[in-house]
Amino acid sequence: MHIFNKIKKISLTSLFFLPLLISAENIKNPLGSTNSLFGFLDKIIDALLQLGAVVAAVAVIYAGFMFVTAQGDEGKIKTAKATLLYTVIGLAILLGARVIASVIENTIRSVGGSI
């Protein structure tokens, strides 16, 4: 009886998703008109930059909060400085990703490859 219940659940689930499968031709590509590897990577880097900017802003605010609440405690100030430093390093790496991707793309294109 246990196997019958699993088959029943799978059948009901597939009936739920059946309209999606039938109208799959109407689903739009969330990446837009990307038709190359470089375009795909560019979209991923854009999404990571947007997400990273929000995370970096929150981390800077958190580091500022840590500075304010340290109240002269050397250990807490050291932790706040480390948090701010690592946030700036992470943001620099995130912004450098665009430059690194461009350098790699231009190098491959100059060699003659088309991806």
PDB file of N, CA and C in Angstrom:
ATOM      1  N   MET A   1       0.810  -1.189   0.000  1.00  0.00           N
ATOM      2  CA  MET A   1       0.000   0.000   0.000  1.00  0.00           C
ATOM      3  C   MET A   1       0.855   1.255   0.000  1.00  0.00           C
ATOM      4  N   HIS A   2       2.034   1.170   0.597  1.00  0.00           N
ATOM      5  CA  HIS A   2       2.937   2.309   0.688  1.00  0.00           C
ATOM      6  C   HIS A   2       3.417   2.761  -0.696  1.00  0.00           C
ATOM      7  N   ILE A   3       3.717   1.826  -1.567  1.00  0.00           N
ATOM      8  CA  ILE A   3       4.171   2.151  -2.925  1.00  0.00           C
ATOM      9  C   ILE A   3       3.044   2.806  -3.713  1.00  0.00           C
ATOM     10  N   PHE A   4       1.817   2.357  -3.500  1.00  0.00           N
ATOM     11  CA  PHE A   4       0.680   2.937  -4.187  1.00  0.00           C
ATOM     12  C   PHE A   4       0.513   4.410  -3.832  1.00  0.00           C
ATOM     13  N   ASN A   5       0.740   4.769  -2.564  1.00  0.00           N
ATOM     14  CA  ASN A   5       0.635   6.166  -2.148  1.00  0.00           C
ATOM     15  C   ASN A   5       1.702   7.020  -2.817  1.00  0.00           C
ATOM     16  N   LYS A   6       2.916   6.483  -2.961  1.00  0.00           N
ATOM     17  CA  LYS A   6       3.981   7.229  -3.637  1.00  0.00           C
ATOM     18  C   LYS A   6       3.647   7.456  -5.100  1.00  0.00           C
ATOM     19  N   ILE A   7       3.139   6.420  -5.751  1.00  0.00           N
ATOM     20  CA  ILE A   7       2.766   6.551  -7.169  1.00  0.00           C
ATOM     21  C   ILE A   7       1.638   7.561  -7.316  1.00  0.00           C
ATOM     22  N   LYS A   8       0.714   7.540  -6.387  1.00  0.00           N
ATOM     23  CA  LYS A   8      -0.403   8.481  -6.424  1.00  0.00           C
ATOM     24  C   LYS A   8       0.097   9.924  -6.270  1.00  0.00           C
ATOM     25  N   LYS A   9       1.042  10.154  -5.340  1.00  0.00           N
ATOM     26  CA  LYS A   9       1.597  11.491  -5.154  1.00  0.00           C
ATOM     27  C   LYS A   9       2.362  11.949  -6.385  1.00  0.00           C
ATOM     28  N   ILE A  10       3.136  11.059  -6.973  1.00  0.00           N
ATOM     29  CA  ILE A  10       3.891  11.416  -8.180  1.00  0.00           C
ATOM     30  C   ILE A  10       2.935  11.751  -9.320  1.00  0.00           C
ATOM     31  N   SER A  11       1.874  10.992  -9.452  1.00  0.00           N
ATOM     32  CA  SER A  11       0.902  11.253 -10.521  1.00  0.00           C
ATOM     33  C   SER A  11       0.216  12.597 -10.323  1.00  0.00           C
ATOM     34  N   LEU A  12      -0.170  12.893  -9.087  1.00  0.00           N
ATOM     35  CA  LEU A  12      -0.813  14.173  -8.819  1.00  0.00           C
ATOM     36  C   LEU A  12       0.149  15.337  -9.044  1.00  0.00           C
ATOM     37  N   THR A  13       1.409  15.147  -8.674  1.00  0.00           N
ATOM     38  CA  THR A  13       2.405  16.188  -8.892  1.00  0.00           C
ATOM     39  C   THR A  13       2.638  16.416 -10.379  1.00  0.00           C
ATOM     40  N   SER A  14       2.719  15.344 -11.145  1.00  0.00           N
ATOM     41  CA  SER A  14       2.930  15.513 -12.584  1.00  0.00           C
ATOM     42  C   SER A  14       1.722  16.171 -13.242  1.00  0.00           C
ATOM     43  N   LEU A  15       0.521  15.917 -12.741  1.00  0.00           N
ATOM     44  CA  LEU A  15      -0.654  16.601 -13.275  1.00  0.00           C
ATOM     45  C   LEU A  15      -0.611  18.092 -12.975  1.00  0.00           C
ATOM     46  N   PHE A  16      -0.022  18.448 -11.834  1.00  0.00           N
ATOM     47  CA  PHE A  16       0.110  19.854 -11.482  1.00  0.00           C
ATOM     48  C   PHE A  16       1.053  20.573 -12.438  1.00  0.00           C
ATOM     49  N   PHE A  17       2.159  19.909 -12.810  1.00  0.00           N
ATOM     50  CA  PHE A  17       3.162  20.532 -13.675  1.00  0.00           C
ATOM     51  C   PHE A  17       2.890  20.330 -15.162  1.00  0.00           C
ATOM     52  N   LEU A  18       1.901  19.551 -15.520  1.00  0.00           N
ATOM     53  CA  LEU A  18       1.593  19.292 -16.924  1.00  0.00           C
ATOM     54  C   LEU A  18       1.294  20.556 -17.721  1.00  0.00           C
ATOM     55  N   PRO A  19       0.509  21.511 -17.201  1.00  0.00           N
ATOM     56  CA  PRO A  19       0.285  22.742 -17.982  1.00  0.00           C
ATOM     57  C   PRO A  19       1.579  23.513 -18.246  1.00  0.00           C
ATOM     58  N   LEU A  20       2.518  23.445 -17.321  1.00  0.00           N
ATOM     59  CA  LEU A  20       3.794  24.121 -17.549  1.00  0.00           C
ATOM     60  C   LEU A  20       4.575  23.460 -18.678  1.00  0.00           C
ATOM     61  N   LEU A  21       4.527  22.148 -18.732  1.00  0.00           N
ATOM     62  CA  LEU A  21       5.245  21.438 -19.788  1.00  0.00           C
ATOM     63  C   LEU A  21       4.610  21.674 -21.147  1.00  0.00           C
ATOM     64  N   ILE A  22       3.296  21.763 -21.173  1.00  0.00           N
ATOM     65  CA  ILE A  22       2.605  21.984 -22.440  1.00  0.00           C
ATOM     66  C   ILE A  22       2.908  23.380 -22.978  1.00  0.00           C
ATOM     67  N   SER A  23       2.965  24.369 -22.090  1.00  0.00           N
ATOM     68  CA  SER A  23       3.200  25.740 -22.537  1.00  0.00           C
ATOM     69  C   SER A  23       4.657  26.161 -22.359  1.00  0.00           C
ATOM     70  N   ALA A  24       5.585  25.221 -22.437  1.00  0.00           N
ATOM     71  CA  ALA A  24       6.994  25.537 -22.258  1.00  0.00           C
ATOM     72  C   ALA A  24       7.519  26.468 -23.346  1.00  0.00           C
ATOM     73  N   GLU A  25       6.882  26.465 -24.505  1.00  0.00           N
ATOM     74  CA  GLU A  25       7.339  27.346 -25.580  1.00  0.00           C
ATOM     75  C   GLU A  25       7.054  28.808 -25.279  1.00  0.00           C
ATOM     76  N   ASN A  26       6.164  29.075 -24.330  1.00  0.00           N
ATOM     77  CA  ASN A  26       5.833  30.452 -23.972  1.00  0.00           C
ATOM     78  C   ASN A  26       6.686  30.997 -22.836  1.00  0.00           C
ATOM     79  N   ILE A  27       7.562  30.167 -22.272  1.00  0.00           N
ATOM     80  CA  ILE A  27       8.408  30.604 -21.169  1.00  0.00           C
ATOM     81  C   ILE A  27       9.539  31.449 -21.738  1.00  0.00           C
ATOM     82  N   LYS A  28       9.736  32.619 -21.149  1.00  0.00           N
ATOM     83  CA  LYS A  28      10.789  33.517 -21.616  1.00  0.00           C
ATOM     84  C   LYS A  28      12.106  33.168 -20.947  1.00  0.00           C
ATOM     85  N   ASN A  29      13.175  33.390 -21.663  1.00  0.00           N
ATOM     86  CA  ASN A  29      14.511  33.157 -21.137  1.00  0.00           C
ATOM     87  C   ASN A  29      14.816  34.235 -20.099  1.00  0.00           C
ATOM     88  N   PRO A  30      15.099  33.870 -18.849  1.00  0.00           N
ATOM     89  CA  PRO A  30      15.369  34.891 -17.837  1.00  0.00           C
ATOM     90  C   PRO A  30      16.679  35.631 -18.068  1.00  0.00           C
ATOM     91  N   LEU A  31      17.554  35.091 -18.902  1.00  0.00           N
ATOM     92  CA  LEU A  31      18.827  35.738 -19.185  1.00  0.00           C
ATOM     93  C   LEU A  31      18.745  36.688 -20.373  1.00  0.00           C
ATOM     94  N   GLY A  32      17.590  36.817 -20.961  1.00  0.00           N
ATOM     95  CA  GLY A  32      17.457  37.715 -22.101  1.00  0.00           C
ATOM     96  C   GLY A  32      17.898  37.036 -23.389  1.00  0.00           C
ATOM     97  N   SER A  33      18.533  37.796 -24.239  1.00  0.00           N
ATOM     98  CA  SER A  33      18.928  37.262 -25.546  1.00  0.00           C
ATOM     99  C   SER A  33      20.380  36.799 -25.537  1.00  0.00           C
ATOM    100  N   THR A  34      20.816  36.204 -24.473  1.00  0.00           N
ATOM    101  CA  THR A  34      22.187  35.722 -24.378  1.00  0.00           C
ATOM    102  C   THR A  34      22.334  34.471 -25.212  1.00  0.00           C
ATOM    103  N   ASN A  35      23.314  34.496 -26.117  1.00  0.00           N
ATOM    104  CA  ASN A  35      23.534  33.325 -26.953  1.00  0.00           C
ATOM    105  C   ASN A  35      25.004  32.928 -27.009  1.00  0.00           C
ATOM    106  N   SER A  36      25.795  33.377 -26.056  1.00  0.00           N
ATOM    107  CA  SER A  36      27.198  32.993 -26.008  1.00  0.00           C
ATOM    108  C   SER A  36      27.615  32.778 -24.563  1.00  0.00           C
ATOM    109  N   LEU A  37      28.729  32.113 -24.394  1.00  0.00           N
ATOM    110  CA  LEU A  37      29.251  31.866 -23.055  1.00  0.00           C
ATOM    111  C   LEU A  37      29.616  33.176 -22.374  1.00  0.00           C
ATOM    112  N   PHE A  38      30.211  34.103 -23.129  1.00  0.00           N
ATOM    113  CA  PHE A  38      30.594  35.388 -22.547  1.00  0.00           C
ATOM    114  C   PHE A  38      29.373  36.190 -22.108  1.00  0.00           C
ATOM    115  N   GLY A  39      28.325  36.137 -22.886  1.00  0.00           N
ATOM    116  CA  GLY A  39      27.092  36.823 -22.501  1.00  0.00           C
ATOM    117  C   GLY A  39      26.485  36.223 -21.244  1.00  0.00           C
ATOM    118  N   PHE A  40      26.526  34.898 -21.151  1.00  0.00           N
ATOM    119  CA  PHE A  40      26.017  34.206 -19.973  1.00  0.00           C
ATOM    120  C   PHE A  40      26.826  34.582 -18.734  1.00  0.00           C
ATOM    121  N   LEU A  41      28.158  34.549 -18.856  1.00  0.00           N
ATOM    122  CA  LEU A  41      29.014  34.916 -17.730  1.00  0.00           C
ATOM    123  C   LEU A  41      28.833  36.384 -17.346  1.00  0.00           C
ATOM    124  N   ASP A  42      28.606  37.219 -18.335  1.00  0.00           N
ATOM    125  CA  ASP A  42      28.366  38.636 -18.067  1.00  0.00           C
ATOM    126  C   ASP A  42      27.096  38.826 -17.235  1.00  0.00           C
ATOM    127  N   LYS A  43      26.051  38.079 -17.560  1.00  0.00           N
ATOM    128  CA  LYS A  43      24.802  38.156 -16.794  1.00  0.00           C
ATOM    129  C   LYS A  43      25.018  37.668 -15.355  1.00  0.00           C
ATOM    130  N   ILE A  44      25.806  36.603 -15.197  1.00  0.00           N
ATOM    131  CA  ILE A  44      26.076  36.079 -13.858  1.00  0.00           C
ATOM    132  C   ILE A  44      26.867  37.097 -13.045  1.00  0.00           C
ATOM    133  N   ILE A  45      27.881  37.707 -13.668  1.00  0.00           N
ATOM    134  CA  ILE A  45      28.684  38.708 -12.963  1.00  0.00           C
ATOM    135  C   ILE A  45      27.826  39.908 -12.575  1.00  0.00           C
ATOM    136  N   ASP A  46      26.924  40.329 -13.453  1.00  0.00           N
ATOM    137  CA  ASP A  46      26.015  41.439 -13.122  1.00  0.00           C
ATOM    138  C   ASP A  46      25.162  41.105 -11.896  1.00  0.00           C
ATOM    139  N   ALA A  47      24.620  39.884 -11.866  1.00  0.00           N
ATOM    140  CA  ALA A  47      23.789  39.478 -10.737  1.00  0.00           C
ATOM    141  C   ALA A  47      24.619  39.430  -9.450  1.00  0.00           C
ATOM    142  N   LEU A  48      25.840  38.905  -9.539  1.00  0.00           N
ATOM    143  CA  LEU A  48      26.697  38.845  -8.359  1.00  0.00           C
ATOM    144  C   LEU A  48      27.104  40.237  -7.881  1.00  0.00           C
ATOM    145  N   LEU A  49      27.336  41.147  -8.822  1.00  0.00           N
ATOM    146  CA  LEU A  49      27.671  42.519  -8.431  1.00  0.00           C
ATOM    147  C   LEU A  49      26.511  43.187  -7.699  1.00  0.00           C
ATOM    148  N   GLN A  50      25.308  42.979  -8.179  1.00  0.00           N
ATOM    149  CA  GLN A  50      24.148  43.571  -7.517  1.00  0.00           C
ATOM    150  C   GLN A  50      23.953  42.987  -6.122  1.00  0.00           C
ATOM    151  N   LEU A  51      24.060  41.679  -6.013  1.00  0.00           N
ATOM    152  CA  LEU A  51      23.916  41.038  -4.715  1.00  0.00           C
ATOM    153  C   LEU A  51      25.069  41.421  -3.790  1.00  0.00           C
ATOM    154  N   GLY A  52      26.282  41.444  -4.328  1.00  0.00           N
ATOM    155  CA  GLY A  52      27.451  41.789  -3.532  1.00  0.00           C
ATOM    156  C   GLY A  52      27.419  43.216  -3.030  1.00  0.00           C
ATOM    157  N   ALA A  53      26.868  44.122  -3.819  1.00  0.00           N
ATOM    158  CA  ALA A  53      26.769  45.518  -3.384  1.00  0.00           C
ATOM    159  C   ALA A  53      25.861  45.642  -2.165  1.00  0.00           C
ATOM    160  N   VAL A  54      24.774  44.895  -2.169  1.00  0.00           N
ATOM    161  CA  VAL A  54      23.859  44.925  -1.032  1.00  0.00           C
ATOM    162  C   VAL A  54      24.527  44.316   0.202  1.00  0.00           C
ATOM    163  N   VAL A  55      25.191  43.176   0.012  1.00  0.00           N
ATOM    164  CA  VAL A  55      25.866  42.516   1.130  1.00  0.00           C
ATOM    165  C   VAL A  55      26.979  43.400   1.676  1.00  0.00           C
ATOM    166  N   ALA A  56      27.741  44.046   0.792  1.00  0.00           N
ATOM    167  CA  ALA A  56      28.827  44.923   1.235  1.00  0.00           C
ATOM    168  C   ALA A  56      28.279  46.113   2.011  1.00  0.00           C
ATOM    169  N   ALA A  57      27.175  46.685   1.561  1.00  0.00           N
ATOM    170  CA  ALA A  57      26.585  47.812   2.284  1.00  0.00           C
ATOM    171  C   ALA A  57      26.147  47.397   3.687  1.00  0.00           C
ATOM    172  N   VAL A  58      25.530  46.238   3.790  1.00  0.00           N
ATOM    173  CA  VAL A  58      25.112  45.734   5.105  1.00  0.00           C
ATOM    174  C   VAL A  58      26.336  45.461   5.982  1.00  0.00           C
ATOM    175  N   ALA A  59      27.404  44.909   5.389  1.00  0.00           N
ATOM    176  CA  ALA A  59      28.609  44.615   6.163  1.00  0.00           C
ATOM    177  C   ALA A  59      29.287  45.891   6.657  1.00  0.00           C
ATOM    178  N   VAL A  60      29.297  46.941   5.839  1.00  0.00           N
ATOM    179  CA  VAL A  60      29.876  48.217   6.270  1.00  0.00           C
ATOM    180  C   VAL A  60      29.053  48.815   7.408  1.00  0.00           C
ATOM    181  N   ILE A  61      27.743  48.737   7.298  1.00  0.00           N
ATOM    182  CA  ILE A  61      26.875  49.233   8.374  1.00  0.00           C
ATOM    183  C   ILE A  61      27.111  48.428   9.650  1.00  0.00           C
ATOM    184  N   TYR A  62      27.259  47.111   9.503  1.00  0.00           N
ATOM    185  CA  TYR A  62      27.522  46.260  10.665  1.00  0.00           C
ATOM    186  C   TYR A  62      28.869  46.599  11.299  1.00  0.00           C
ATOM    187  N   ALA A  63      29.887  46.834  10.471  1.00  0.00           N
ATOM    188  CA  ALA A  63      31.198  47.219  11.008  1.00  0.00           C
ATOM    189  C   ALA A  63      31.099  48.551  11.742  1.00  0.00           C
ATOM    190  N   GLY A  64      30.353  49.496  11.216  1.00  0.00           N
ATOM    191  CA  GLY A  64      30.144  50.766  11.898  1.00  0.00           C
ATOM    192  C   GLY A  64      29.445  50.581  13.227  1.00  0.00           C
ATOM    193  N   PHE A  65      28.457  49.690  13.244  1.00  0.00           N
ATOM    194  CA  PHE A  65      27.768  49.377  14.492  1.00  0.00           C
ATOM    195  C   PHE A  65      28.736  48.768  15.505  1.00  0.00           C
ATOM    196  N   MET A  66      29.635  47.915  15.004  1.00  0.00           N
ATOM    197  CA  MET A  66      30.629  47.307  15.895  1.00  0.00           C
ATOM    198  C   MET A  66      31.567  48.370  16.466  1.00  0.00           C
ATOM    199  N   PHE A  67      31.952  49.352  15.654  1.00  0.00           N
ATOM    200  CA  PHE A  67      32.800  50.444  16.150  1.00  0.00           C
ATOM    201  C   PHE A  67      32.092  51.238  17.245  1.00  0.00           C
ATOM    202  N   VAL A  68      30.826  51.536  17.010  1.00  0.00           N
ATOM    203  CA  VAL A  68      30.079  52.352  17.963  1.00  0.00           C
ATOM    204  C   VAL A  68      29.886  51.606  19.286  1.00  0.00           C
ATOM    205  N   THR A  69      29.587  50.321  19.197  1.00  0.00           N
ATOM    206  CA  THR A  69      29.327  49.556  20.414  1.00  0.00           C
ATOM    207  C   THR A  69      30.597  49.068  21.103  1.00  0.00           C
ATOM    208  N   ALA A  70      31.758  49.269  20.489  1.00  0.00           N
ATOM    209  CA  ALA A  70      33.015  48.828  21.110  1.00  0.00           C
ATOM    210  C   ALA A  70      33.313  49.613  22.383  1.00  0.00           C
ATOM    211  N   GLN A  71      32.993  50.879  22.422  1.00  0.00           N
ATOM    212  CA  GLN A  71      33.163  51.748  23.587  1.00  0.00           C
ATOM    213  C   GLN A  71      34.582  51.678  24.160  1.00  0.00           C
ATOM    214  N   GLY A  72      35.560  51.690  23.264  1.00  0.00           N
ATOM    215  CA  GLY A  72      36.950  51.733  23.700  1.00  0.00           C
ATOM    216  C   GLY A  72      37.577  50.389  23.987  1.00  0.00           C
ATOM    217  N   ASP A  73      36.838  49.309  23.904  1.00  0.00           N
ATOM    218  CA  ASP A  73      37.394  47.976  24.127  1.00  0.00           C
ATOM    219  C   ASP A  73      38.277  47.598  22.938  1.00  0.00           C
ATOM    220  N   GLU A  74      39.564  47.384  23.207  1.00  0.00           N
ATOM    221  CA  GLU A  74      40.536  47.134  22.126  1.00  0.00           C
ATOM    222  C   GLU A  74      40.200  45.875  21.323  1.00  0.00           C
ATOM    223  N   GLY A  75      39.721  44.845  21.983  1.00  0.00           N
ATOM    224  CA  GLY A  75      39.376  43.608  21.278  1.00  0.00           C
ATOM    225  C   GLY A  75      38.230  43.803  20.311  1.00  0.00           C
ATOM    226  N   LYS A  76      37.206  44.546  20.739  1.00  0.00           N
ATOM    227  CA  LYS A  76      36.053  44.795  19.870  1.00  0.00           C
ATOM    228  C   LYS A  76      36.419  45.739  18.728  1.00  0.00           C
ATOM    229  N   ILE A  77      37.286  46.699  19.001  1.00  0.00           N
ATOM    230  CA  ILE A  77      37.723  47.612  17.936  1.00  0.00           C
ATOM    231  C   ILE A  77      38.536  46.847  16.903  1.00  0.00           C
ATOM    232  N   LYS A  78      39.369  45.927  17.359  1.00  0.00           N
ATOM    233  CA  LYS A  78      40.168  45.106  16.439  1.00  0.00           C
ATOM    234  C   LYS A  78      39.254  44.249  15.562  1.00  0.00           C
ATOM    235  N   THR A  79      38.208  43.687  16.158  1.00  0.00           N
ATOM    236  CA  THR A  79      37.249  42.890  15.389  1.00  0.00           C
ATOM    237  C   THR A  79      36.506  43.760  14.377  1.00  0.00           C
ATOM    238  N   ALA A  80      36.125  44.959  14.769  1.00  0.00           N
ATOM    239  CA  ALA A  80      35.429  45.868  13.855  1.00  0.00           C
ATOM    240  C   ALA A  80      36.332  46.267  12.688  1.00  0.00           C
ATOM    241  N   LYS A  81      37.614  46.536  12.981  1.00  0.00           N
ATOM    242  CA  LYS A  81      38.555  46.877  11.911  1.00  0.00           C
ATOM    243  C   LYS A  81      38.729  45.716  10.944  1.00  0.00           C
ATOM    244  N   ALA A  82      38.815  44.499  11.481  1.00  0.00           N
ATOM    245  CA  ALA A  82      38.955  43.320  10.625  1.00  0.00           C
ATOM    246  C   ALA A  82      37.720  43.135   9.745  1.00  0.00           C
ATOM    247  N   THR A  83      36.546  43.361  10.329  1.00  0.00           N
ATOM    248  CA  THR A  83      35.307  43.239   9.555  1.00  0.00           C
ATOM    249  C   THR A  83      35.273  44.250   8.416  1.00  0.00           C
ATOM    250  N   LEU A  84      35.651  45.473   8.706  1.00  0.00           N
ATOM    251  CA  LEU A  84      35.673  46.506   7.669  1.00  0.00           C
ATOM    252  C   LEU A  84      36.728  46.195   6.606  1.00  0.00           C
ATOM    253  N   LEU A  85      37.888  45.726   7.033  1.00  0.00           N
ATOM    254  CA  LEU A  85      38.951  45.389   6.076  1.00  0.00           C
ATOM    255  C   LEU A  85      38.522  44.265   5.144  1.00  0.00           C
ATOM    256  N   TYR A  86      37.950  43.199   5.709  1.00  0.00           N
ATOM    257  CA  TYR A  86      37.524  42.078   4.878  1.00  0.00           C
ATOM    258  C   TYR A  86      36.367  42.456   3.958  1.00  0.00           C
ATOM    259  N   THR A  87      35.541  43.368   4.391  1.00  0.00           N
ATOM    260  CA  THR A  87      34.457  43.852   3.534  1.00  0.00           C
ATOM    261  C   THR A  87      35.020  44.618   2.339  1.00  0.00           C
ATOM    262  N   VAL A  88      35.996  45.464   2.583  1.00  0.00           N
ATOM    263  CA  VAL A  88      36.609  46.235   1.492  1.00  0.00           C
ATOM    264  C   VAL A  88      37.360  45.299   0.545  1.00  0.00           C
ATOM    265  N   ILE A  89      38.066  44.304   1.076  1.00  0.00           N
ATOM    266  CA  ILE A  89      38.780  43.345   0.227  1.00  0.00           C
ATOM    267  C   ILE A  89      37.785  42.555  -0.625  1.00  0.00           C
ATOM    268  N   GLY A  90      36.699  42.107  -0.024  1.00  0.00           N
ATOM    269  CA  GLY A  90      35.678  41.371  -0.772  1.00  0.00           C
ATOM    270  C   GLY A  90      35.036  42.217  -1.852  1.00  0.00           C
ATOM    271  N   LEU A  91      34.797  43.477  -1.554  1.00  0.00           N
ATOM    272  CA  LEU A  91      34.217  44.379  -2.546  1.00  0.00           C
ATOM    273  C   LEU A  91      35.188  44.624  -3.696  1.00  0.00           C
ATOM    274  N   ALA A  92      36.477  44.746  -3.384  1.00  0.00           N
ATOM    275  CA  ALA A  92      37.477  44.930  -4.435  1.00  0.00           C
ATOM    276  C   ALA A  92      37.557  43.701  -5.336  1.00  0.00           C
ATOM    277  N   ILE A  93      37.494  42.528  -4.742  1.00  0.00           N
ATOM    278  CA  ILE A  93      37.505  41.290  -5.545  1.00  0.00           C
ATOM    279  C   ILE A  93      36.259  41.225  -6.412  1.00  0.00           C
ATOM    280  N   LEU A  94      35.127  41.583  -5.841  1.00  0.00           N
ATOM    281  CA  LEU A  94      33.873  41.556  -6.586  1.00  0.00           C
ATOM    282  C   LEU A  94      33.919  42.514  -7.775  1.00  0.00           C
ATOM    283  N   LEU A  95      34.422  43.717  -7.561  1.00  0.00           N
ATOM    284  CA  LEU A  95      34.519  44.681  -8.660  1.00  0.00           C
ATOM    285  C   LEU A  95      35.607  44.276  -9.655  1.00  0.00           C
ATOM    286  N   GLY A  96      36.640  43.618  -9.162  1.00  0.00           N
ATOM    287  CA  GLY A  96      37.703  43.150 -10.052  1.00  0.00           C
ATOM    288  C   GLY A  96      37.274  41.990 -10.933  1.00  0.00           C
ATOM    289  N   ALA A  97      36.191  41.308 -10.565  1.00  0.00           N
ATOM    290  CA  ALA A  97      35.711  40.184 -11.364  1.00  0.00           C
ATOM    291  C   ALA A  97      35.328  40.636 -12.765  1.00  0.00           C
ATOM    292  N   ARG A  98      34.737  41.807 -12.872  1.00  0.00           N
ATOM    293  CA  ARG A  98      34.360  42.342 -14.191  1.00  0.00           C
ATOM    294  C   ARG A  98      35.609  42.562 -15.041  1.00  0.00           C
ATOM    295  N   VAL A  99      36.647  43.128 -14.443  1.00  0.00           N
ATOM    296  CA  VAL A  99      37.887  43.400 -15.171  1.00  0.00           C
ATOM    297  C   VAL A  99      38.558  42.090 -15.585  1.00  0.00           C
ATOM    298  N   ILE A 100      38.610  41.134 -14.665  1.00  0.00           N
ATOM    299  CA  ILE A 100      39.226  39.843 -14.968  1.00  0.00           C
ATOM    300  C   ILE A 100      38.469  39.142 -16.098  1.00  0.00           C
ATOM    301  N   ALA A 101      37.148  39.182 -16.054  1.00  0.00           N
ATOM    302  CA  ALA A 101      36.351  38.550 -17.110  1.00  0.00           C
ATOM    303  C   ALA A 101      36.594  39.227 -18.456  1.00  0.00           C
ATOM    304  N   SER A 102      36.717  40.537 -18.457  1.00  0.00           N
ATOM    305  CA  SER A 102      36.983  41.253 -19.712  1.00  0.00           C
ATOM    306  C   SER A 102      38.352  40.899 -20.270  1.00  0.00           C
ATOM    307  N   VAL A 103      39.347  40.798 -19.402  1.00  0.00           N
ATOM    308  CA  VAL A 103      40.699  40.445 -19.854  1.00  0.00           C
ATOM    309  C   VAL A 103      40.704  39.048 -20.454  1.00  0.00           C
ATOM    310  N   ILE A 104      40.047  38.105 -19.796  1.00  0.00           N
ATOM    311  CA  ILE A 104      40.000  36.730 -20.307  1.00  0.00           C
ATOM    312  C   ILE A 104      39.250  36.688 -21.636  1.00  0.00           C
ATOM    313  N   GLU A 105      38.129  37.390 -21.715  1.00  0.00           N
ATOM    314  CA  GLU A 105      37.355  37.410 -22.961  1.00  0.00           C
ATOM    315  C   GLU A 105      38.173  37.998 -24.102  1.00  0.00           C
ATOM    316  N   ASN A 106      38.831  39.123 -23.867  1.00  0.00           N
ATOM    317  CA  ASN A 106      39.628  39.745 -24.926  1.00  0.00           C
ATOM    318  C   ASN A 106      40.803  38.876 -25.334  1.00  0.00           C
ATOM    319  N   THR A 107      41.407  38.176 -24.389  1.00  0.00           N
ATOM    320  CA  THR A 107      42.508  37.278 -24.709  1.00  0.00           C
ATOM    321  C   THR A 107      42.044  36.136 -25.598  1.00  0.00           C
ATOM    322  N   ILE A 108      40.922  35.536 -25.245  1.00  0.00           N
ATOM    323  CA  ILE A 108      40.411  34.420 -26.059  1.00  0.00           C
ATOM    324  C   ILE A 108      39.988  34.907 -27.435  1.00  0.00           C
ATOM    325  N   ARG A 109      39.375  36.060 -27.508  1.00  0.00           N
ATOM    326  CA  ARG A 109      38.957  36.601 -28.816  1.00  0.00           C
ATOM    327  C   ARG A 109      40.170  36.957 -29.683  1.00  0.00           C
ATOM    328  N   SER A 110      41.240  37.447 -29.059  1.00  0.00           N
ATOM    329  CA  SER A 110      42.421  37.795 -29.852  1.00  0.00           C
ATOM    330  C   SER A 110      43.148  36.562 -30.370  1.00  0.00           C
ATOM    331  N   VAL A 111      43.033  35.460 -29.657  1.00  0.00           N
ATOM    332  CA  VAL A 111      43.648  34.217 -30.111  1.00  0.00           C
ATOM    333  C   VAL A 111      42.855  33.672 -31.305  1.00  0.00           C
ATOM    334  N   GLY A 112      41.612  34.033 -31.387  1.00  0.00           N
ATOM    335  CA  GLY A 112      40.811  33.619 -32.534  1.00  0.00           C
ATOM    336  C   GLY A 112      39.674  32.692 -32.173  1.00  0.00           C
ATOM    337  N   GLY A 113      39.498  32.428 -30.931  1.00  0.00           N
ATOM    338  CA  GLY A 113      38.406  31.561 -30.515  1.00  0.00           C
ATOM    339  C   GLY A 113      37.101  32.332 -30.443  1.00  0.00           C
ATOM    340  N   SER A 114      36.039  31.648 -30.724  1.00  0.00           N
ATOM    341  CA  SER A 114      34.720  32.282 -30.591  1.00  0.00           C
ATOM    342  C   SER A 114      33.851  31.387 -29.727  1.00  0.00           C
ATOM    343  N   ILE A 115      33.560  31.884 -28.558  1.00  0.00           N
ATOM    344  CA  ILE A 115      32.750  31.081 -27.630  1.00  0.00           C
ATOM    345  C   ILE A 115      31.419  31.778 -27.450  1.00  0.00           C
TER     346      ILE A 115
END
